[in-house]
C-alpha atoms as a PDB file:
ATOM      1  CA  MET A   1     -66.913  76.001 -73.323  1.00  0.00           C
ATOM      2  CA  GLN A   2     -65.470  79.685 -73.093  1.00  0.00           C
ATOM      3  CA  ALA A   3     -64.247  78.708 -69.557  1.00  0.00           C
ATOM      4  CA  LYS A   4     -62.373  75.640 -70.930  1.00  0.00           C
ATOM      5  CA  ILE A   5     -60.503  77.919 -73.376  1.00  0.00           C
ATOM      6  CA  LYS A   6     -59.569  80.415 -70.739  1.00  0.00           C
ATOM      7  CA  ILE A   7     -58.274  77.799 -68.637  1.00  0.00           C
ATOM      8  CA  SER A   8     -56.365  76.222 -71.379  1.00  0.00           C
ATOM      9  CA  ASP A   9     -54.882  79.472 -72.567  1.00  0.00           C
ATOM     10  CA  LEU A  10     -53.783  80.241 -68.953  1.00  0.00           C
ATOM     11  CA  ARG A  11     -52.217  76.826 -68.601  1.00  0.00           C
ATOM     12  CA  ARG A  12     -50.159  77.586 -71.809  1.00  0.00           C
ATOM     13  CA  VAL A  13     -49.182  80.937 -70.576  1.00  0.00           C
ATOM     14  CA  ILE A  14     -48.046  79.435 -67.064  1.00  0.00           C
ATOM     15  CA  LYS A  15     -46.247  76.792 -68.742  1.00  0.00           C
ATOM     16  CA  THR A  16     -44.532  79.281 -71.001  1.00  0.00           C
ATOM     17  CA  LEU A  17     -43.639  81.629 -68.198  1.00  0.00           C
ATOM     18  CA  SER A  18     -42.309  78.471 -66.153  1.00  0.00           C
ATOM     19  CA  ASP A  19     -39.966  77.592 -69.055  1.00  0.00           C
ATOM     20  CA  VAL A  20     -36.293  77.897 -67.784  1.00  0.00           C
ATOM     21  CA  ARG A  21     -34.892  79.433 -70.977  1.00  0.00           C
ATOM     22  CA  LEU A  22     -37.506  82.212 -70.570  1.00  0.00           C
ATOM     23  CA  VAL A  23     -36.579  82.820 -67.048  1.00  0.00           C
ATOM     24  CA  GLY A  24     -33.085  82.602 -67.873  1.00  0.00           C
ATOM     25  CA  LEU A  25     -33.399  85.162 -70.640  1.00  0.00           C
ATOM     26  CA  ILE A  26     -35.228  87.632 -68.427  1.00  0.00           C
ATOM     27  CA  MET A  27     -32.663  87.416 -65.720  1.00  0.00           C
ATOM     28  CA  PHE A  28     -29.999  88.106 -68.306  1.00  0.00           C
ATOM     29  CA  GLY A  29     -31.966  91.229 -69.316  1.00  0.00           C
ATOM     30  CA  VAL A  30     -32.362  92.452 -65.803  1.00  0.00           C
ATOM     31  CA  VAL A  31     -28.535  92.008 -65.260  1.00  0.00           C
ATOM     32  CA  ALA A  32     -27.692  93.615 -68.581  1.00  0.00           C
ATOM     33  CA  VAL A  33     -30.045  96.652 -67.572  1.00  0.00           C
ATOM     34  CA  LEU A  34     -28.201  96.910 -63.997  1.00  0.00           C
ATOM     35  CA  VAL A  35     -24.582  96.635 -65.556  1.00  0.00           C
ATOM     36  CA  ALA A  36     -25.609  99.392 -68.128  1.00  0.00           C
ATOM     37  CA  TRP A  37     -27.247 101.602 -65.543  1.00  0.00           C
ATOM     38  CA  SER A  38     -24.141 101.207 -63.304  1.00  0.00           C
ATOM     39  CA  SER A  39     -21.761 102.075 -66.230  1.00  0.00           C
ATOM     40  CA  LEU A  40     -23.952 105.203 -67.007  1.00  0.00           C
ATOM     41  CA  LYS A  41     -23.516 106.210 -63.462  1.00  0.00           C
ATOM     42  CA  THR A  42     -19.785 105.876 -63.480  1.00  0.00           C
ATOM     43  CA  LEU A  43     -19.473 107.654 -66.641  1.00  0.00           C
ATOM     44  CA  GLN A  44     -21.563 110.515 -65.201  1.00  0.00           C
ATOM     45  CA  VAL A  45     -19.421 110.681 -62.097  1.00  0.00           C
ATOM     46  CA  ASN A  46     -16.203 110.722 -64.326  1.00  0.00           C
ATOM     47  CA  TYR A  47     -17.471 113.537 -66.636  1.00  0.00           C
ATOM     48  CA  GLU A  48     -18.285 115.606 -63.583  1.00  0.00           C
ATOM     49  CA  LEU A  49     -14.875 115.062 -62.100  1.00  0.00           C
ATOM     50  CA  GLN A  50     -13.193 116.067 -65.301  1.00  0.00           C
ATOM     51  CA  LYS A  51     -15.237 119.110 -65.545  1.00  0.00           C
ATOM     52  CA  LYS A  52     -13.873 119.889 -61.824  1.00  0.00           C
ATOM     53  CA  GLU A  53     -10.441 118.955 -62.957  1.00  0.00           C
ATOM     54  CA  ALA A  54     -10.590 121.339 -65.898  1.00  0.00           C
ATOM     55  CA  VAL A  55     -11.709 124.282 -63.888  1.00  0.00           C
ATOM     56  CA  LEU A  56      -8.936 123.701 -61.206  1.00  0.00           C
ATOM     57  CA  ARG A  57      -6.308 123.500 -63.902  1.00  0.00           C
ATOM     58  CA  GLN A  58      -7.642 126.874 -65.446  1.00  0.00           C
ATOM     59  CA  LYS A  59      -7.389 128.462 -62.140  1.00  0.00           C
ATOM     60  CA  ASN A  60      -3.991 127.137 -61.611  1.00  0.00           C
ATOM     61  CA  THR A  61      -2.900 128.490 -64.944  1.00  0.00           C
ATOM     62  CA  ASN A  62      -4.372 131.844 -64.244  1.00  0.00           C
ATOM     63  CA  GLN A  63      -2.657 131.938 -60.751  1.00  0.00           C
ATOM     64  CA  LYS A  64       0.659 131.145 -62.323  1.00  0.00           C
ATOM     65  CA  LEU A  65       0.185 133.947 -64.886  1.00  0.00           C
ATOM     66  CA  SER A  66      -0.657 136.352 -62.247  1.00  0.00           C
ATOM     67  CA  ASN A  67       2.414 135.368 -60.202  1.00  0.00           C
ATOM     68  CA  GLU A  68       4.684 135.864 -63.405  1.00  0.00           C
ATOM     69  CA  ASN A  69       2.988 139.116 -63.923  1.00  0.00           C
ATOM     70  CA  LEU A  70       3.632 140.211 -60.161  1.00  0.00           C
ATOM     71  CA  LYS A  71       7.458 139.204 -60.537  1.00  0.00           C
ATOM     72  CA  LEU A  72       7.762 141.384 -63.698  1.00  0.00           C
ATOM     73  CA  LYS A  73       6.238 144.144 -61.741  1.00  0.00           C
ATOM     74  CA  ASN A  74       8.538 143.725 -58.920  1.00  0.00           C
ATOM     75  CA  THR A  75      11.418 143.487 -61.042  1.00  0.00           C
ATOM     76  CA  TYR A  76      10.271 146.872 -62.752  1.00  0.00           C
ATOM     77  CA  LEU A  77       9.763 148.441 -59.386  1.00  0.00           C
ATOM     78  CA  GLU A  78      13.457 147.700 -58.491  1.00  0.00           C
ATOM     79  CA  THR A  79      14.992 149.427 -61.533  1.00  0.00           C
ATOM     80  CA  ASP A  80      16.390 152.953 -61.526  1.00  0.00           C
ATOM     81  CA  GLU A  81      13.957 154.137 -64.345  1.00  0.00           C
ATOM     82  CA  TYR A  82      11.084 153.503 -61.964  1.00  0.00           C
ATOM     83  CA  LEU A  83      12.798 155.272 -59.194  1.00  0.00           C
ATOM     84  CA  GLU A  84      13.507 158.319 -61.240  1.00  0.00           C
ATOM     85  CA  LEU A  85       9.886 158.534 -62.697  1.00  0.00           C
ATOM     86  CA  THR A  86       8.525 158.324 -59.080  1.00  0.00           C
ATOM     87  CA  ALA A  87      10.859 160.930 -57.803  1.00  0.00           C
ATOM     88  CA  ARG A  88       9.821 163.389 -60.630  1.00  0.00           C
ATOM     89  CA  ARG A  89       6.160 162.810 -60.247  1.00  0.00           C
ATOM     90  CA  GLN A  90       5.927 162.674 -56.530  1.00  0.00           C
ATOM     91  CA  PHE A  91       8.663 165.095 -55.268  1.00  0.00           C
ATOM     92  CA  ASN A  92       8.674 167.329 -58.271  1.00  0.00           C
ATOM     93  CA  LYS A  93      12.619 166.591 -58.858  1.00  0.00           C
ATOM     94  CA  ALA A  94      14.200 166.898 -62.393  1.00  0.00           C
ATOM     95  CA  ALA A  95      17.460 165.465 -63.521  1.00  0.00           C
ATOM     96  CA  PRO A  96      20.562 167.520 -63.570  1.00  0.00           C
ATOM     97  CA  GLY A  97      20.504 170.361 -66.165  1.00  0.00           C
ATOM     98  CA  GLU A  98      16.762 170.212 -66.694  1.00  0.00           C
ATOM     99  CA  LYS A  99      14.399 173.002 -65.651  1.00  0.00           C
ATOM    100  CA  LEU A 100      11.156 172.382 -63.860  1.00  0.00           C
ATOM    101  CA  TYR A 101       8.240 174.304 -64.458  1.00  0.00           C
ATOM    102  CA  LEU A 102       5.170 173.978 -62.052  1.00  0.00           C
ATOM    103  CA  ILE A 103       1.785 175.182 -63.524  1.00  0.00           C
ATOM    104  CA  PRO A 104      -1.187 175.197 -60.980  1.00  0.00           C
ATOM    105  CA  GLU A 105      -3.916 172.985 -62.029  1.00  0.00           C
ATOM    106  CA  GLU A 106      -6.599 175.610 -62.500  1.00  0.00           C
ATOM    107  CA  VAL A 107      -4.374 177.238 -65.107  1.00  0.00           C
ATOM    108  CA  ALA A 108      -3.642 174.419 -66.993  1.00  0.00           C
ATOM    109  CA  LEU A 109      -7.364 173.155 -67.017  1.00  0.00           C
ATOM    110  CA  SER A 110      -8.522 176.649 -68.267  1.00  0.00           C
ATOM    111  CA  LYS A 111      -6.608 176.328 -71.343  1.00  0.00           C
ATOM    112  CA  THR A 112      -8.143 172.838 -72.343  1.00  0.00           C
ATOM    113  CA  ALA A 113     -10.700 172.557 -74.835  1.00  0.00           C
ATOM    114  CA  GLU A 114     -14.173 170.889 -73.987  1.00  0.00           C
ATOM    115  CA  LEU A 115     -14.645 167.564 -75.630  1.00  0.00           C
ATOM    116  CA  PRO A 116     -18.265 167.053 -77.077  1.00  0.00           C
ATOM    117  CA  LEU A 117     -19.736 164.135 -75.334  1.00  0.00           C
ATOM    118  CA  ASP A 118     -20.984 161.341 -77.637  1.00  0.00           C
ATOM    119  CA  GLN A 119     -24.641 160.889 -77.578  1.00  0.00           C
ATOM    120  CA  PRO A 120     -25.664 157.000 -77.136  1.00  0.00           C
ATOM    121  CA  GLU A 121     -26.971 156.140 -80.566  1.00  0.00           C
ATOM    122  CA  THR A 122     -30.812 155.137 -80.550  1.00  0.00           C
ATOM    123  CA  LYS A 123     -31.815 151.699 -81.642  1.00  0.00           C
ATOM    124  CA  GLU A 124     -33.263 152.902 -84.945  1.00  0.00           C
ATOM    125  CA  GLU A 125     -29.715 154.358 -85.724  1.00  0.00           C
ATOM    126  CA  LEU A 126     -27.819 151.065 -84.823  1.00  0.00           C
ATOM    127  CA  ASP A 127     -30.381 149.246 -86.999  1.00  0.00           C
ATOM    128  CA  LYS A 128     -29.795 151.461 -90.094  1.00  0.00           C
ATOM    129  CA  SER A 129     -25.822 150.669 -89.745  1.00  0.00           C
ATOM    130  CA  LYS A 130     -26.417 146.963 -89.927  1.00  0.00           C
ATOM    131  CA  PRO A 131     -26.555 145.235 -93.344  1.00  0.00           C
ATOM    132  CA  LYS A 132     -30.163 144.266 -94.504  1.00  0.00           C
ATOM    133  CA  TYR A 133     -29.723 140.485 -94.053  1.00  0.00           C
ATOM    134  CA  GLN A 134     -28.837 140.904 -90.289  1.00  0.00           C
ATOM    135  CA  GLN A 135     -31.816 143.339 -89.808  1.00  0.00           C
ATOM    136  CA  ASN A 136     -33.867 140.612 -91.362  1.00  0.00           C
ATOM    137  CA  PHE A 137     -32.560 137.939 -89.087  1.00  0.00           C
ATOM    138  CA  GLU A 138     -33.028 140.218 -85.865  1.00  0.00           C
ATOM    139  CA  ALA A 139     -36.407 140.995 -86.963  1.00  0.00           C
ATOM    140  CA  TRP A 140     -37.387 137.195 -87.155  1.00  0.00           C
ATOM    141  CA  LEU A 141     -35.634 136.546 -83.964  1.00  0.00           C
ATOM    142  CA  ASP A 142     -37.694 139.367 -82.298  1.00  0.00           C
ATOM    143  CA  PHE A 143     -40.809 137.946 -83.873  1.00  0.00           C
ATOM    144  CA  LEU A 144     -40.093 134.095 -83.014  1.00  0.00           C
ATOM    145  CA  LEU A 145     -39.253 135.083 -79.280  1.00  0.00           C
ATOM    146  CA  GLN A 146     -42.158 137.532 -78.880  1.00  0.00           C
ATOM    147  CA  ARG A 147     -39.795 140.646 -78.110  1.00  0.00           C
ATOM    148  CA  ASN A 148     -40.667 144.141 -78.944  1.00  0.00           C
END
């Protein structure tokens, strides 16, 4: 009896699977999945190309700005003011009517005051200068990320 039930159930399943409508629906689903997969691949390729294009545009803009800066520097280097400053600095020249005093470097440095070196602040001093809410937030981050 159970064998008859199993066989009839099997025949019903085979008949259902061999139905043209079901086969057509499965084929439609497979085609839809393939089209979606292809579209996703195309979108991913387009996204990667757009990223590369944005990087190249940024590099191009940076290069244009660099070129403009060099042009401005070149025009400055061609001015009389630059020539005058360079002559004063390199050749110890002065304009007519000016007196030039040359002081040895050792003498000039001996008359300067020593500046105190700033000691780097410790972490505790930095933490005390922060607001309480920021200290609390950073303490939670340290706890959650298992930092010291």
